[in-house]
Structures are given as structure tokens and as C-alpha cells.
Protein backbone atom coordinates (compact mmCIF):
# COMPACT_ATOMS: atom_id res chain seq x y z
CA UNK A 1 0.00 0.00 0.00
CA UNK A 2 1.32 3.42 -0.87
CA UNK A 3 2.32 5.97 1.78
CA UNK A 4 1.38 9.63 1.54
CA UNK A 5 3.85 12.40 2.28
CA UNK A 6 1.62 13.57 5.13
CA UNK A 7 2.07 10.18 6.81
CA UNK A 8 5.85 10.59 6.97
CA UNK A 9 7.80 12.25 9.76
CA UNK A 10 10.85 14.36 8.98
CA UNK A 11 13.82 13.75 11.28
CA UNK A 12 16.86 15.87 10.56
CA UNK A 13 19.36 14.14 12.88
CA UNK A 14 19.63 10.87 14.83
CA UNK A 15 21.47 10.66 18.13
CA UNK A 16 22.11 6.92 17.90
CA UNK A 17 20.56 3.44 18.08
CA UNK A 18 18.13 2.10 20.69
CA UNK A 19 17.19 -1.56 20.22
CA UNK A 20 15.97 -2.08 23.80
CA UNK A 21 13.01 0.30 24.02
CA UNK A 22 9.46 -1.02 23.65
CA UNK A 23 7.56 -0.40 20.41
CA UNK A 24 6.76 2.19 19.26
CA UNK A 25 9.79 4.38 19.90
CA UNK A 26 8.69 7.38 21.90
CA UNK A 27 11.89 9.25 21.09
CA UNK A 28 11.96 10.04 17.37
CA UNK A 29 15.61 11.08 17.62
CA UNK A 30 16.92 7.51 17.80
CA UNK A 31 16.92 4.55 15.44
CA UNK A 32 15.95 0.99 16.26
CA UNK A 33 17.84 -0.43 13.29
CA UNK A 34 19.70 0.85 10.27
CA UNK A 35 20.16 -1.30 7.18
CA UNK A 36 22.02 -0.41 4.00
CA UNK A 37 22.59 3.14 5.20
CA UNK A 38 25.47 4.94 6.90
CA UNK A 39 25.22 7.34 9.84
CA UNK A 40 27.51 10.27 9.13
CA UNK A 41 29.69 12.12 11.62
CA UNK A 42 26.95 14.77 11.67
CA UNK A 43 24.34 12.18 12.74
CA UNK A 44 22.60 12.18 9.38
CA UNK A 45 21.48 9.15 7.40
CA UNK A 46 23.18 8.60 4.06
CA UNK A 47 22.47 5.93 1.46
CA UNK A 48 25.27 3.44 1.19
CA UNK A 49 27.38 3.20 -1.93
CA UNK A 50 26.14 0.49 -4.28
CA UNK A 51 27.69 -2.94 -4.83
CA UNK A 52 30.90 -3.57 -6.77
CA UNK A 53 31.76 -6.18 -9.36
CA UNK A 54 31.94 -9.79 -8.20
CA UNK A 55 35.47 -10.50 -6.95
CA UNK A 56 35.11 -14.22 -6.20
CA UNK A 57 32.10 -16.20 -7.46
CA UNK A 58 30.54 -18.28 -4.66
CA UNK A 59 27.84 -20.90 -4.39
CA UNK A 60 27.14 -20.00 -0.75
CA UNK A 61 29.82 -17.60 0.46
CA UNK A 62 30.02 -16.37 4.04
CA UNK A 63 32.30 -15.87 7.08
CA UNK A 64 34.91 -13.67 5.40
CA UNK A 65 37.87 -12.98 7.71
CA UNK A 66 41.18 -11.17 7.42
CA UNK A 67 43.91 -10.36 9.90
CA UNK A 68 43.71 -6.61 10.51
CA UNK A 69 47.32 -6.58 11.72
CA UNK A 70 48.57 -7.96 8.41
CA UNK A 71 50.48 -10.90 9.91
CA UNK A 72 49.13 -13.37 7.34
CA UNK A 73 49.27 -13.09 3.53
CA UNK A 74 45.68 -14.28 3.01
CA UNK A 75 42.14 -14.06 4.28
CA UNK A 76 39.69 -16.93 4.80
CA UNK A 77 36.07 -17.50 3.85
CA UNK A 78 33.57 -20.33 3.57
CA UNK A 79 31.83 -21.36 0.36
CA UNK A 80 29.25 -24.12 0.69
CA UNK A 81 31.13 -26.95 2.46
CA UNK A 82 34.62 -25.57 1.79
CA UNK A 83 37.04 -23.34 3.71
CA UNK A 84 39.15 -21.34 1.23
CA UNK A 85 41.85 -18.68 1.28
CA UNK A 86 41.32 -15.26 -0.29
CA UNK A 87 44.63 -13.94 -1.62
CA UNK A 88 45.54 -10.29 -2.34
CA UNK A 89 45.23 -10.90 -6.09
CA UNK A 90 41.68 -12.24 -5.53
CA UNK A 91 42.67 -15.83 -6.28
CA UNK A 92 41.56 -18.49 -3.80
CA UNK A 93 42.69 -21.94 -2.73
CA UNK A 94 40.96 -24.82 -0.99
CA UNK A 95 42.04 -25.29 2.63
CA UNK A 96 39.51 -27.86 3.84
CA UNK A 97 36.26 -29.40 2.65
CA UNK A 98 33.40 -31.47 4.09
CA UNK A 99 32.26 -28.68 6.43
CA UNK A 100 28.69 -28.39 7.69
CA UNK A 101 26.99 -26.12 5.16
CA UNK A 102 25.77 -22.70 6.24
CA UNK A 103 27.27 -22.54 9.75
CA UNK A 104 29.04 -19.26 10.53
CA UNK A 105 32.76 -19.62 11.20
CA UNK A 106 34.56 -17.82 14.00
CA UNK A 107 38.30 -17.14 13.70
CA UNK A 108 41.17 -15.97 15.88
CA UNK A 109 44.85 -15.52 15.07
CA UNK A 110 47.49 -17.11 17.30
CA UNK A 111 50.97 -15.97 16.26
CA UNK A 112 51.19 -16.89 12.55
CA UNK A 113 48.29 -19.35 12.53
CA UNK A 114 44.50 -19.05 12.49
CA UNK A 115 42.25 -21.13 14.74
CA UNK A 116 38.67 -21.50 13.53
CA UNK A 117 35.45 -23.30 14.37
CA UNK A 118 31.81 -23.32 13.26
CA UNK A 119 30.45 -25.04 16.34
CA UNK A 120 30.72 -28.50 14.77
CA UNK A 121 34.08 -28.65 13.00
CA UNK A 122 37.31 -26.90 13.97
CA UNK A 123 40.86 -26.55 12.74
CA UNK A 124 44.02 -24.51 12.43
CA UNK A 125 45.46 -22.92 9.28
CA UNK A 126 49.18 -22.18 9.35
CA UNK A 127 51.04 -19.38 7.56
CA UNK A 128 51.43 -21.58 4.47
CA UNK A 129 47.64 -22.03 4.31
CA UNK A 130 47.95 -25.69 5.31
CA UNK A 131 45.16 -27.22 7.38
CA UNK A 132 45.77 -28.92 10.75
CA UNK A 133 43.62 -30.01 13.69
CA UNK A 134 43.54 -27.77 16.75
CA UNK A 135 45.90 -30.13 18.52
CA UNK A 136 47.55 -33.50 18.19
CA UNK A 137 45.36 -36.61 18.11
CA UNK A 138 45.12 -38.39 21.47
CA UNK A 139 45.63 -42.12 22.22
CA UNK A 140 42.41 -43.92 23.01
CA UNK A 141 44.01 -45.91 25.85
CA UNK A 142 47.25 -47.38 27.18
CA UNK A 143 49.44 -50.36 26.17
CA UNK A 144 49.33 -53.85 27.64
CA UNK A 145 52.17 -54.46 30.14
CA UNK A 146 54.27 -57.49 31.01
CA UNK A 147 57.37 -58.02 33.18
CA UNK A 148 60.69 -58.93 31.51
CA UNK A 149 64.28 -58.99 32.84
CA UNK A 150 65.53 -55.48 33.61
CA UNK A 151 66.32 -52.98 36.37
CA UNK A 152 63.34 -50.64 36.79
CA UNK A 153 63.07 -51.36 40.50
CA UNK A 154 60.63 -53.58 42.36
CA UNK A 155 57.12 -52.33 43.06
CA UNK A 156 54.22 -50.92 41.10
CA UNK A 157 55.22 -49.33 37.77
CA UNK A 158 52.93 -47.04 35.78
CA UNK A 159 53.01 -46.36 32.03
CA UNK A 160 51.34 -43.69 29.88
CA UNK A 161 51.80 -42.93 26.18
CA UNK A 162 51.13 -39.75 24.22
CA UNK A 163 51.24 -38.91 20.51
CA UNK A 164 53.41 -36.16 18.99
CA UNK A 165 52.50 -34.63 15.63
CA UNK A 166 54.82 -33.23 12.97
CA UNK A 167 54.41 -29.73 14.40
CA UNK A 168 55.91 -30.94 17.69
CA UNK A 169 52.63 -30.74 19.59
CA UNK A 170 52.08 -33.45 22.20
CA UNK A 171 48.71 -34.95 22.97
CA UNK A 172 47.10 -35.53 26.32
CA UNK A 173 47.09 -38.92 28.02
CA UNK A 174 44.47 -40.98 29.79
CA UNK A 175 44.90 -42.69 33.18
CA UNK A 176 48.19 -44.60 33.26
CA UNK A 177 48.32 -48.40 33.10
CA UNK A 178 49.99 -50.14 36.06
CA UNK A 179 51.73 -53.43 36.80
CA UNK A 180 53.64 -54.87 39.77
CA UNK A 181 57.17 -56.07 38.98
CA UNK A 182 59.83 -57.72 41.09
CA UNK A 183 63.58 -57.15 41.60
CA UNK A 184 65.63 -57.45 38.41
CA UNK A 185 62.66 -56.84 36.12
CA UNK A 186 61.67 -54.29 33.51
CA UNK A 187 58.68 -53.79 31.21
CA UNK A 188 57.48 -54.92 27.83
CA UNK A 189 54.75 -52.82 26.21
CA UNK A 190 52.48 -54.40 23.60
CA UNK A 191 49.33 -53.31 21.74
CA UNK A 192 50.62 -49.71 21.84
CA UNK A 193 47.82 -47.36 20.64
CA UNK A 194 48.36 -46.01 17.12
CA UNK A 195 47.47 -42.64 15.53
CA UNK A 196 44.93 -42.68 12.71
CA UNK A 197 47.27 -40.66 10.47
CA UNK A 198 50.95 -41.62 10.99
CA UNK A 199 52.06 -38.94 8.51
CA UNK A 200 50.40 -36.17 10.53
CA UNK A 201 51.32 -37.88 13.85
CA UNK A 202 54.62 -39.74 13.40
CA UNK A 203 55.76 -40.26 17.02
CA UNK A 204 54.63 -42.09 20.16
CA UNK A 205 56.11 -40.94 23.49
CA UNK A 206 56.41 -43.44 26.36
CA UNK A 207 56.35 -42.28 29.99
CA UNK A 208 57.21 -44.64 32.85
CA UNK A 209 57.61 -44.50 36.63
CA UNK A 210 60.28 -46.32 38.58
CA UNK A 211 59.13 -48.93 41.07
CA UNK A 212 56.61 -47.46 43.57
CA UNK A 213 57.18 -43.92 42.22
CA UNK A 214 54.23 -41.73 41.23
CA UNK A 215 55.89 -39.39 38.73
CA UNK A 216 55.84 -40.38 35.06
CA UNK A 217 59.07 -39.53 33.21
CA UNK A 218 59.82 -39.75 29.50
CA UNK A 219 61.49 -43.08 28.82
CA UNK A 220 61.63 -43.25 25.02
CA UNK A 221 60.07 -42.17 21.73
CA UNK A 222 59.04 -44.80 19.17
CA UNK A 223 57.79 -44.27 15.61
CA UNK A 224 54.13 -44.61 14.71
CA UNK A 225 53.56 -48.19 13.64
CA UNK A 226 55.58 -49.70 16.48
CA UNK A 227 53.18 -51.80 18.53
CA UNK A 228 55.74 -53.23 20.96
CA UNK A 229 58.76 -51.90 22.87
CA UNK A 230 60.65 -52.47 26.12
CA UNK A 231 61.69 -50.20 28.99
CA UNK A 232 64.38 -51.94 31.05
CA UNK A 233 65.96 -49.08 33.07
CA UNK A 234 64.63 -46.14 35.10
CA UNK A 235 63.61 -43.25 32.80
CA UNK A 236 65.75 -40.10 32.72
CA UNK A 237 63.57 -37.76 30.62
CA UNK A 238 61.30 -34.91 31.66
CA UNK A 239 58.09 -35.38 33.64
CA UNK A 240 54.83 -35.72 31.72
CA UNK A 241 53.04 -32.39 31.24
CA UNK A 242 49.79 -33.34 29.48
CA UNK A 243 48.32 -36.19 31.50
CA UNK A 244 44.52 -35.93 31.94
CA UNK A 245 44.32 -33.22 29.27
CA UNK A 246 42.06 -33.73 26.25
CA UNK A 247 41.35 -31.93 22.96
CA UNK A 248 39.36 -28.69 23.04
CA UNK A 249 35.80 -29.01 21.74
CA UNK A 250 34.54 -26.95 18.82
CA UNK A 251 32.48 -23.83 19.48
CA UNK A 252 30.54 -21.04 17.79
CA UNK A 253 32.90 -18.28 19.05
CA UNK A 254 36.69 -18.64 19.17
CA UNK A 255 39.10 -16.11 20.72
CA UNK A 256 42.71 -15.93 21.93
CA UNK A 257 43.49 -14.49 25.36
CA UNK A 258 46.69 -14.40 27.43
CA UNK A 259 48.24 -17.46 25.77
CA UNK A 260 45.03 -19.47 25.81
CA UNK A 261 42.28 -20.40 23.39
CA UNK A 262 38.76 -19.45 24.51
CA UNK A 263 35.76 -21.27 23.02
CA UNK A 264 32.09 -20.45 23.47
CA UNK A 265 30.15 -23.71 23.10
CA UNK A 266 26.42 -23.15 23.56
CA UNK A 267 26.17 -21.74 27.12
CA UNK A 268 29.69 -22.74 28.18
CA UNK A 269 32.99 -20.85 28.05
CA UNK A 270 35.88 -23.31 27.81
CA UNK A 271 39.54 -22.32 28.02
CA UNK A 272 42.65 -24.18 26.96
CA UNK A 273 45.73 -24.77 29.03
CA UNK A 274 48.34 -21.99 28.84
CA UNK A 275 50.26 -22.14 25.54
CA UNK A 276 48.53 -25.40 24.63
CA UNK A 277 45.83 -23.90 22.46
CA UNK A 278 44.07 -27.16 21.64
CA UNK A 279 44.21 -28.92 25.03
CA UNK A 280 41.99 -28.45 28.04
CA UNK A 281 41.33 -30.07 31.40
CA UNK A 282 37.72 -31.21 31.26
CA UNK A 283 35.84 -30.21 34.39
CA UNK A 284 38.38 -27.59 35.44
CA UNK A 285 38.38 -25.12 32.54
CA UNK A 286 34.62 -24.78 31.94
CA UNK A 287 32.33 -21.93 33.04
CA UNK A 288 28.56 -22.31 32.57
CA UNK A 289 26.08 -19.45 31.97
CA UNK A 290 22.31 -19.17 31.91
CA UNK A 291 21.87 -19.17 28.14
CA UNK A 292 23.81 -19.60 24.91
CA UNK A 293 26.68 -17.12 24.69
CA UNK A 294 26.21 -14.41 22.07
CA UNK A 295 29.33 -12.34 22.83
CA UNK A 296 32.85 -13.21 23.97
CA UNK A 297 35.57 -10.56 23.61
CA UNK A 298 38.83 -10.67 25.61
CA UNK A 299 40.92 -7.74 26.88
CA UNK A 300 44.65 -8.18 27.55
CA UNK A 301 47.14 -6.02 29.46
CA UNK A 302 45.86 -3.50 32.00
CA UNK A 303 42.30 -4.28 33.00
CA UNK A 304 42.56 -7.80 31.59
CA UNK A 305 39.44 -9.91 31.39
CA UNK A 306 36.73 -11.16 29.07
CA UNK A 307 33.39 -9.61 28.12
CA UNK A 308 30.64 -12.21 27.74
CA UNK A 309 26.91 -12.01 27.11
CA UNK A 310 24.42 -14.82 27.52
CA UNK A 311 21.64 -12.97 25.74
CA UNK A 312 20.06 -11.21 28.71
CA UNK A 313 23.09 -9.57 30.33
CA UNK A 314 26.67 -8.54 29.70
CA UNK A 315 29.31 -9.60 32.22
CA UNK A 316 33.01 -8.83 32.53
CA UNK A 317 35.16 -11.67 33.84
CA UNK A 318 37.84 -9.59 35.50
CA UNK A 319 41.45 -10.56 36.11
CA UNK A 320 44.35 -12.14 34.25
CA UNK A 321 44.05 -15.49 36.10
CA UNK A 322 41.08 -17.44 34.72
CA UNK A 323 40.98 -19.66 37.81
CA UNK A 324 40.11 -16.56 39.83
CA UNK A 325 37.74 -14.82 37.41
CA UNK A 326 35.09 -12.71 39.09
CA UNK A 327 31.99 -11.92 36.94
CA UNK A 328 30.86 -8.29 37.17
CA UNK A 329 27.69 -6.97 35.50
């Protein structure tokens, strides 16, 4: 139905947006929403400039991202079920396929890599535009143990294995296996868990305790494909650092903060371990909110913390130690 000029109201300037007031807006000097227009520095409404030529044809293009600091030589975007680069010359290359179609992707840069997730799938793109998982694959269990001649020391001996990928990242480990051995005995490990992709994950790290000790120390590294090995002497490597850690889940918002990866997954905020961006301690690094998170923006340096919104309120998790976060409205 047509609208007469007399039915229109002339507003010369707008003071801003108000999307909280009840309908109708009593104050005609504010906008509820503004689409396809720009608000000028003088608070006037101006029609946006029209569209440009197509730069990259897409079937279903969305989630365009670029690093505003210019640390990476490409941007990223989704097209149908594919994640692709967008290069400065407007060429593009496939990074990963088989994504869930139509789900928005959230990105965050960590050093010279980009961590991304759409709430179902997740991954990391390095500076060469090569795709990787967030972290190294994790063993599903521990090896079978048997006593053989050696000098580990009598008592209960524990064993845990981790995987190490070609980027040097080490997986978490489940509860260690245990066996009692006598004087003059060592260990034989069999049925060692194997990575699904030995090219991506070429190493298996073996951690062992001495008799009746509780600390697991690195004993040896074996190549993927080795299903059996022996540990005959007390280990002399470093102590295990990733036991009981597991891969970070995907989420609909991904951010980096103070050497950690933050993931919003439905109504939960989950953080990684420090400097292990794809590993978390389930049950320790999870904060629940009333509703699905719609905002998660971190602040570093002075006044460090994280802004979050669960749809009905905005909170600031204050402090640079996430274990001591205090939510403030």
C-alpha cells in the first residue's frame, strides 16, 4: 500500500541506536535499526554506496575474515562446504572441505596461525595455508604391560603414552596403566595405541615411573607403527606435562586471550591450558552461563578480562588469572 507524504515524519538528525526500548519508539531522535545506510559524523542518514563487481564467485559464500594486523598473507572464507583462502590478487585456494553447510565460522589468530570453528568442526590454518587439527590426536588408551628382565626397581610401575604430531605438539594422556614387577625386572609394552594418520602424527612418546614412584618420566620415543617396545631401566627424561588433558571441543565463538584459546560452546565458556591452544582439562576449565553465549571478547594487558553475554546480560570476567575470574555486570 502506498504511503502519503503527510504520513511521513521528517527527522533531521539521529542521536544513535536504541534496540531495547518497547515499540513504538517514543523518542523520534533515535533509530531501532539501520540497514544499508550509513550514519555520518553529523548524525545524518546517508544511502550506502552500491555494490561492486563480483570479486570471487561463490555458491554459498560467508564468514569472510582477514587479519587486521597484516600478519598473514591471506584471508579466509567459507563457500558451501569448503574453507578457502582469499589472496591479495583475488585468487583463492581450498584449505579444507566437508564442512557443515551454512554454519558461521569464528576465527582468531594465534601468532602466525588461524584457529577457527563453526560449532561442529574446527581446525588450524598455518602461515602456508595448510590445514591442521587444533591439537595433536590423542591415544584412546594405554598399552598392555608385562614383566621382563631389567632394572626398573621392584614395586608398582605405571606407564602412559602420548602422541606427537609433525608440528611438535604433544597430545594428552588418559589414566596410566599399572603393573607390579619384582627385583631385576623391567617392562614390555604391547598393543601400543596407534594414531589414525601416521604422517600427521609420526611419534609415540612413552612415559614410565620407577618402582613405587608416582611421577611419570619420558622413557623413550618410538615411531608410529611400532606396537611393541621395552623399557628396562629407570627413565631419565622430563616429567609428563599433558596427563589428563584432552582436545578442546569446537564452538561457535573462538578467541585468543593471554596465551590461551577461549571457546564459546552453547552456554559454556571453555579455556585451553596456557600455551597449549588445543588442550583443556575437562571439568576444570569450563564456566557455565544461563543461556547460549552471544558475545565473547577478551581484553589483555591493564584491565585484563573477558566480556561475555548470555543474551540477557553482559558480564566482565575480570582478572588475568582465569581460575580466579570474578563476573561483574
